[in-house]
């Protein structure tokens, strides 16, 4: 297969100098460099399918779930429906409040 790649001039000069030093054609050097990087990377990186399969193979961890204490509290749900929360927080207040939320999320594990 033939592939034409336009390289930035500084990179092209480096490639030419390296090929000259090694006394090999520039296309051979480019092929070797690409092969070394791509083949090595292909072996180390799992495919998306492998990642998903690994996740699906994990059994559920009951400790990773947090019980919804008020999920069945109909009086609380009715109160929320009658008194929906309002967003009165300014961006500055949110930015001050957000680190506390992140700490709580990290503490949950």
N, C-alpha and C. Protein backbone atom coordinates (compact mmCIF):
# COMPACT_ATOMS: atom_id res chain seq x y z
N UNK A 1 0.84 -1.17 0.00
CA UNK A 1 0.00 0.00 0.00
C UNK A 1 0.89 1.24 0.00
N UNK A 2 0.49 2.21 -0.74
CA UNK A 2 1.22 3.47 -0.80
C UNK A 2 0.45 4.51 -0.03
N UNK A 3 1.17 5.26 0.78
CA UNK A 3 0.56 6.31 1.58
C UNK A 3 1.42 7.56 1.47
N UNK A 4 0.80 8.67 1.18
CA UNK A 4 1.53 9.93 1.09
C UNK A 4 1.19 10.76 2.31
N UNK A 5 2.21 11.20 3.04
CA UNK A 5 2.03 12.01 4.24
C UNK A 5 2.80 13.31 4.06
N UNK A 6 2.13 14.42 4.32
CA UNK A 6 2.80 15.71 4.28
C UNK A 6 3.24 16.06 5.69
N UNK A 7 4.54 16.15 5.87
CA UNK A 7 5.11 16.44 7.19
C UNK A 7 5.50 17.90 7.29
N UNK A 8 5.42 18.46 8.50
CA UNK A 8 5.97 19.80 8.67
C UNK A 8 7.47 19.77 8.35
N UNK A 9 7.98 20.84 7.81
CA UNK A 9 9.38 20.89 7.36
C UNK A 9 10.38 20.49 8.45
N UNK A 10 10.26 20.99 9.69
CA UNK A 10 11.24 20.58 10.71
C UNK A 10 11.24 19.07 10.95
N UNK A 11 10.06 18.46 10.94
CA UNK A 11 9.97 17.02 11.14
C UNK A 11 10.55 16.26 9.95
N UNK A 12 10.29 16.76 8.78
CA UNK A 12 10.83 16.16 7.56
C UNK A 12 12.37 16.19 7.58
N UNK A 13 12.94 17.33 8.01
CA UNK A 13 14.40 17.44 8.08
C UNK A 13 14.98 16.45 9.09
N UNK A 14 14.33 16.30 10.23
CA UNK A 14 14.80 15.33 11.24
C UNK A 14 14.76 13.91 10.69
N UNK A 15 13.69 13.58 9.99
CA UNK A 15 13.55 12.26 9.42
C UNK A 15 14.63 12.00 8.37
N UNK A 16 14.88 12.98 7.52
CA UNK A 16 15.92 12.84 6.49
C UNK A 16 17.29 12.66 7.12
N UNK A 17 17.62 13.47 8.16
CA UNK A 17 18.93 13.35 8.81
C UNK A 17 19.11 11.98 9.46
N UNK A 18 18.04 11.52 10.13
CA UNK A 18 18.12 10.22 10.80
C UNK A 18 18.31 9.11 9.76
N UNK A 19 17.57 9.17 8.66
CA UNK A 19 17.70 8.15 7.60
C UNK A 19 19.11 8.18 7.02
N UNK A 20 19.66 9.37 6.83
CA UNK A 20 21.02 9.51 6.29
C UNK A 20 22.03 8.89 7.26
N UNK A 21 21.89 9.20 8.56
CA UNK A 21 22.80 8.64 9.57
C UNK A 21 22.74 7.12 9.59
N UNK A 22 21.52 6.57 9.46
CA UNK A 22 21.36 5.12 9.51
C UNK A 22 21.62 4.44 8.15
N UNK A 23 21.80 5.27 7.13
CA UNK A 23 22.06 4.80 5.76
C UNK A 23 20.93 3.88 5.26
N UNK A 24 19.69 4.35 5.47
CA UNK A 24 18.52 3.63 4.95
C UNK A 24 17.61 4.65 4.26
N UNK A 25 16.77 4.19 3.36
CA UNK A 25 15.85 5.10 2.69
C UNK A 25 14.87 5.71 3.70
N UNK A 26 14.44 6.92 3.43
CA UNK A 26 13.57 7.64 4.35
C UNK A 26 12.23 6.91 4.55
N UNK A 27 11.70 6.30 3.48
CA UNK A 27 10.43 5.58 3.62
C UNK A 27 10.58 4.34 4.49
N UNK A 28 11.74 3.72 4.45
CA UNK A 28 12.00 2.56 5.30
C UNK A 28 12.05 2.99 6.78
N UNK A 29 12.72 4.11 7.02
CA UNK A 29 12.78 4.62 8.39
C UNK A 29 11.38 4.99 8.90
N UNK A 30 10.59 5.66 8.07
CA UNK A 30 9.24 6.05 8.47
C UNK A 30 8.40 4.81 8.77
N UNK A 31 8.53 3.79 7.94
CA UNK A 31 7.79 2.54 8.16
C UNK A 31 8.20 1.90 9.47
N UNK A 32 9.52 1.88 9.74
CA UNK A 32 10.01 1.28 10.98
C UNK A 32 9.51 2.05 12.20
N UNK A 33 9.59 3.38 12.15
CA UNK A 33 9.14 4.19 13.29
C UNK A 33 7.64 4.00 13.55
N UNK A 34 6.85 4.04 12.48
CA UNK A 34 5.40 3.84 12.65
C UNK A 34 5.09 2.45 13.17
N UNK A 35 5.77 1.44 12.63
CA UNK A 35 5.54 0.07 13.08
C UNK A 35 5.88 -0.10 14.55
N UNK A 36 7.03 0.44 14.96
CA UNK A 36 7.43 0.32 16.36
C UNK A 36 6.39 0.92 17.29
N UNK A 37 5.89 2.10 16.95
CA UNK A 37 4.93 2.79 17.82
C UNK A 37 3.57 2.12 17.77
N UNK A 38 3.05 1.90 16.58
CA UNK A 38 1.69 1.39 16.44
C UNK A 38 1.55 -0.06 16.89
N UNK A 39 2.51 -0.90 16.56
CA UNK A 39 2.41 -2.30 16.96
C UNK A 39 2.58 -2.45 18.46
N UNK A 40 3.48 -1.68 19.05
CA UNK A 40 3.68 -1.72 20.49
C UNK A 40 2.43 -1.24 21.21
N UNK A 41 1.85 -0.15 20.73
CA UNK A 41 0.65 0.42 21.35
C UNK A 41 -0.53 -0.53 21.20
N UNK A 42 -0.65 -1.18 20.06
CA UNK A 42 -1.77 -2.08 19.81
C UNK A 42 -1.77 -3.25 20.78
N UNK A 43 -0.58 -3.70 21.17
CA UNK A 43 -0.48 -4.83 22.09
C UNK A 43 -0.80 -4.42 23.52
N UNK A 44 -0.49 -3.19 23.90
CA UNK A 44 -0.66 -2.75 25.27
C UNK A 44 -2.08 -2.29 25.59
N UNK A 45 -2.77 -1.76 24.62
CA UNK A 45 -4.08 -1.15 24.86
C UNK A 45 -5.20 -2.14 24.59
N UNK A 46 -6.08 -2.35 25.59
CA UNK A 46 -7.23 -3.23 25.32
C UNK A 46 -8.22 -2.51 24.40
N UNK A 47 -8.98 -3.29 23.67
CA UNK A 47 -10.01 -2.72 22.81
C UNK A 47 -11.19 -2.29 23.67
N UNK A 48 -12.06 -1.48 23.11
CA UNK A 48 -13.25 -1.06 23.82
C UNK A 48 -14.09 -2.27 24.22
N UNK A 49 -14.18 -3.23 23.33
CA UNK A 49 -14.95 -4.45 23.62
C UNK A 49 -14.35 -5.20 24.81
N UNK A 50 -13.03 -5.26 24.89
CA UNK A 50 -12.37 -5.94 26.01
C UNK A 50 -12.62 -5.20 27.32
N UNK A 51 -12.61 -3.89 27.28
CA UNK A 51 -12.88 -3.10 28.49
C UNK A 51 -14.30 -3.35 28.97
N UNK A 52 -15.25 -3.29 28.05
CA UNK A 52 -16.66 -3.51 28.41
C UNK A 52 -16.85 -4.93 28.96
N UNK A 53 -16.24 -5.91 28.31
CA UNK A 53 -16.36 -7.30 28.78
C UNK A 53 -15.79 -7.45 30.19
N UNK A 54 -14.69 -6.78 30.47
CA UNK A 54 -14.10 -6.82 31.80
C UNK A 54 -15.02 -6.22 32.85
N UNK A 55 -15.66 -5.13 32.51
CA UNK A 55 -16.60 -4.49 33.44
C UNK A 55 -17.80 -5.40 33.67
N UNK A 56 -18.33 -5.96 32.58
CA UNK A 56 -19.49 -6.83 32.70
C UNK A 56 -19.18 -8.10 33.48
N UNK A 57 -17.94 -8.55 33.47
CA UNK A 57 -17.56 -9.77 34.18
C UNK A 57 -17.45 -9.55 35.69
N UNK A 58 -17.38 -8.31 36.12
CA UNK A 58 -17.25 -8.02 37.55
C UNK A 58 -18.59 -8.25 38.24
N UNK A 59 -18.59 -8.95 39.37
CA UNK A 59 -19.85 -9.12 40.10
C UNK A 59 -20.24 -7.79 40.77
N UNK A 60 -21.53 -7.59 41.02
CA UNK A 60 -21.94 -6.36 41.69
C UNK A 60 -21.32 -6.27 43.08
N UNK A 61 -20.98 -5.08 43.47
CA UNK A 61 -20.40 -4.86 44.80
C UNK A 61 -21.43 -4.12 45.64
N UNK A 62 -22.07 -4.80 46.59
CA UNK A 62 -23.10 -4.15 47.40
C UNK A 62 -22.59 -2.92 48.15
N UNK A 63 -21.29 -2.88 48.45
CA UNK A 63 -20.75 -1.73 49.17
C UNK A 63 -20.69 -0.47 48.31
N UNK A 64 -20.82 -0.63 47.00
CA UNK A 64 -20.76 0.54 46.13
C UNK A 64 -22.11 1.23 45.99
N UNK A 65 -23.15 0.67 46.59
CA UNK A 65 -24.48 1.27 46.54
C UNK A 65 -24.77 1.99 47.84
N UNK A 66 -25.41 3.12 47.74
CA UNK A 66 -25.80 3.87 48.92
C UNK A 66 -27.32 3.82 49.03
N UNK A 67 -27.80 3.40 50.17
CA UNK A 67 -29.24 3.26 50.36
C UNK A 67 -29.92 4.63 50.27
N UNK A 68 -31.03 4.65 49.53
CA UNK A 68 -31.83 5.87 49.43
C UNK A 68 -32.77 5.89 50.63
N UNK A 69 -32.37 6.60 51.66
CA UNK A 69 -33.10 6.58 52.92
C UNK A 69 -34.54 7.08 52.80
N UNK A 70 -34.75 8.07 51.95
CA UNK A 70 -36.08 8.66 51.91
C UNK A 70 -36.83 8.34 50.62
N UNK A 71 -36.36 7.38 49.88
CA UNK A 71 -36.97 7.07 48.59
C UNK A 71 -38.43 6.65 48.72
N UNK A 72 -38.78 5.99 49.83
CA UNK A 72 -40.15 5.50 50.01
C UNK A 72 -40.94 6.36 51.01
N UNK A 73 -40.38 7.49 51.36
CA UNK A 73 -41.05 8.41 52.28
C UNK A 73 -42.01 9.28 51.47
N UNK A 74 -43.26 8.82 51.35
CA UNK A 74 -44.23 9.51 50.51
C UNK A 74 -44.51 10.92 50.99
N UNK A 75 -44.47 11.14 52.30
CA UNK A 75 -44.71 12.49 52.81
C UNK A 75 -43.60 13.43 52.32
N UNK A 76 -42.38 12.95 52.31
CA UNK A 76 -41.26 13.77 51.84
C UNK A 76 -41.40 14.04 50.34
N UNK A 77 -41.79 13.03 49.59
CA UNK A 77 -41.97 13.20 48.14
C UNK A 77 -43.08 14.21 47.88
N UNK A 78 -44.19 14.09 48.62
CA UNK A 78 -45.28 15.06 48.47
C UNK A 78 -44.80 16.46 48.79
N UNK A 79 -44.01 16.60 49.86
CA UNK A 79 -43.49 17.92 50.25
C UNK A 79 -42.59 18.49 49.14
N UNK A 80 -41.71 17.64 48.58
CA UNK A 80 -40.85 18.09 47.49
C UNK A 80 -41.66 18.54 46.27
N UNK A 81 -42.71 17.79 45.97
CA UNK A 81 -43.55 18.17 44.83
C UNK A 81 -44.26 19.50 45.07
N UNK A 82 -44.69 19.73 46.30
CA UNK A 82 -45.38 20.97 46.64
C UNK A 82 -44.41 22.13 46.81
N UNK A 83 -43.16 21.84 47.14
CA UNK A 83 -42.16 22.87 47.41
C UNK A 83 -40.88 22.56 46.63
N UNK A 84 -40.94 22.66 45.32
CA UNK A 84 -39.73 22.31 44.55
C UNK A 84 -38.57 23.23 44.89
N UNK A 85 -37.36 22.68 44.93
CA UNK A 85 -36.19 23.51 45.22
C UNK A 85 -36.03 24.58 44.14
N UNK A 86 -35.56 25.72 44.57
CA UNK A 86 -35.29 26.79 43.61
C UNK A 86 -33.79 27.03 43.55
N UNK A 87 -33.31 27.35 42.38
CA UNK A 87 -31.89 27.60 42.19
C UNK A 87 -31.63 29.08 42.37
N UNK A 88 -31.24 29.43 43.57
CA UNK A 88 -30.97 30.84 43.84
C UNK A 88 -29.48 31.09 44.02
N UNK A 89 -28.68 30.09 43.74
CA UNK A 89 -27.24 30.19 43.97
C UNK A 89 -26.58 30.94 42.81
N UNK A 90 -25.75 31.90 43.15
CA UNK A 90 -24.99 32.59 42.11
C UNK A 90 -23.80 31.72 41.71
N UNK A 91 -23.17 32.05 40.62
CA UNK A 91 -22.01 31.30 40.17
C UNK A 91 -20.89 31.36 41.21
N UNK A 92 -20.70 32.49 41.82
CA UNK A 92 -19.65 32.61 42.85
C UNK A 92 -19.96 31.72 44.05
N UNK A 93 -21.22 31.68 44.46
CA UNK A 93 -21.60 30.80 45.58
C UNK A 93 -21.39 29.34 45.20
N UNK A 94 -21.75 29.01 43.95
CA UNK A 94 -21.57 27.64 43.48
C UNK A 94 -20.10 27.25 43.49
N UNK A 95 -19.23 28.12 43.02
CA UNK A 95 -17.80 27.82 42.99
C UNK A 95 -17.23 27.65 44.40
N UNK A 96 -17.80 28.35 45.37
CA UNK A 96 -17.36 28.17 46.77
C UNK A 96 -17.90 26.86 47.34
N UNK A 97 -19.08 26.47 46.92
CA UNK A 97 -19.74 25.28 47.44
C UNK A 97 -19.23 23.99 46.80
N UNK A 98 -18.82 24.05 45.54
CA UNK A 98 -18.44 22.86 44.79
C UNK A 98 -17.33 22.02 45.42
N UNK A 99 -16.27 22.61 45.98
CA UNK A 99 -15.23 21.77 46.60
C UNK A 99 -15.79 20.87 47.72
N UNK A 100 -16.77 21.36 48.45
CA UNK A 100 -17.39 20.54 49.49
C UNK A 100 -18.11 19.34 48.89
N UNK A 101 -18.77 19.56 47.77
CA UNK A 101 -19.46 18.46 47.09
C UNK A 101 -18.43 17.43 46.61
N UNK A 102 -17.33 17.88 46.04
CA UNK A 102 -16.29 16.97 45.57
C UNK A 102 -15.71 16.14 46.72
N UNK A 103 -15.53 16.76 47.88
CA UNK A 103 -15.02 16.03 49.05
C UNK A 103 -16.00 14.94 49.46
N UNK A 104 -17.29 15.23 49.44
CA UNK A 104 -18.29 14.24 49.81
C UNK A 104 -18.32 13.09 48.80
N UNK A 105 -18.18 13.43 47.54
CA UNK A 105 -18.16 12.39 46.51
C UNK A 105 -16.93 11.49 46.69
N UNK A 106 -15.78 12.08 46.96
CA UNK A 106 -14.57 11.30 47.17
C UNK A 106 -14.69 10.42 48.41
N UNK A 107 -15.34 10.94 49.46
CA UNK A 107 -15.50 10.19 50.70
C UNK A 107 -16.41 8.97 50.47
N UNK A 108 -17.32 9.07 49.52
CA UNK A 108 -18.22 7.95 49.23
C UNK A 108 -17.48 6.80 48.55
N UNK A 109 -16.31 7.12 48.01
CA UNK A 109 -15.47 6.07 47.47
C UNK A 109 -15.59 5.87 46.02
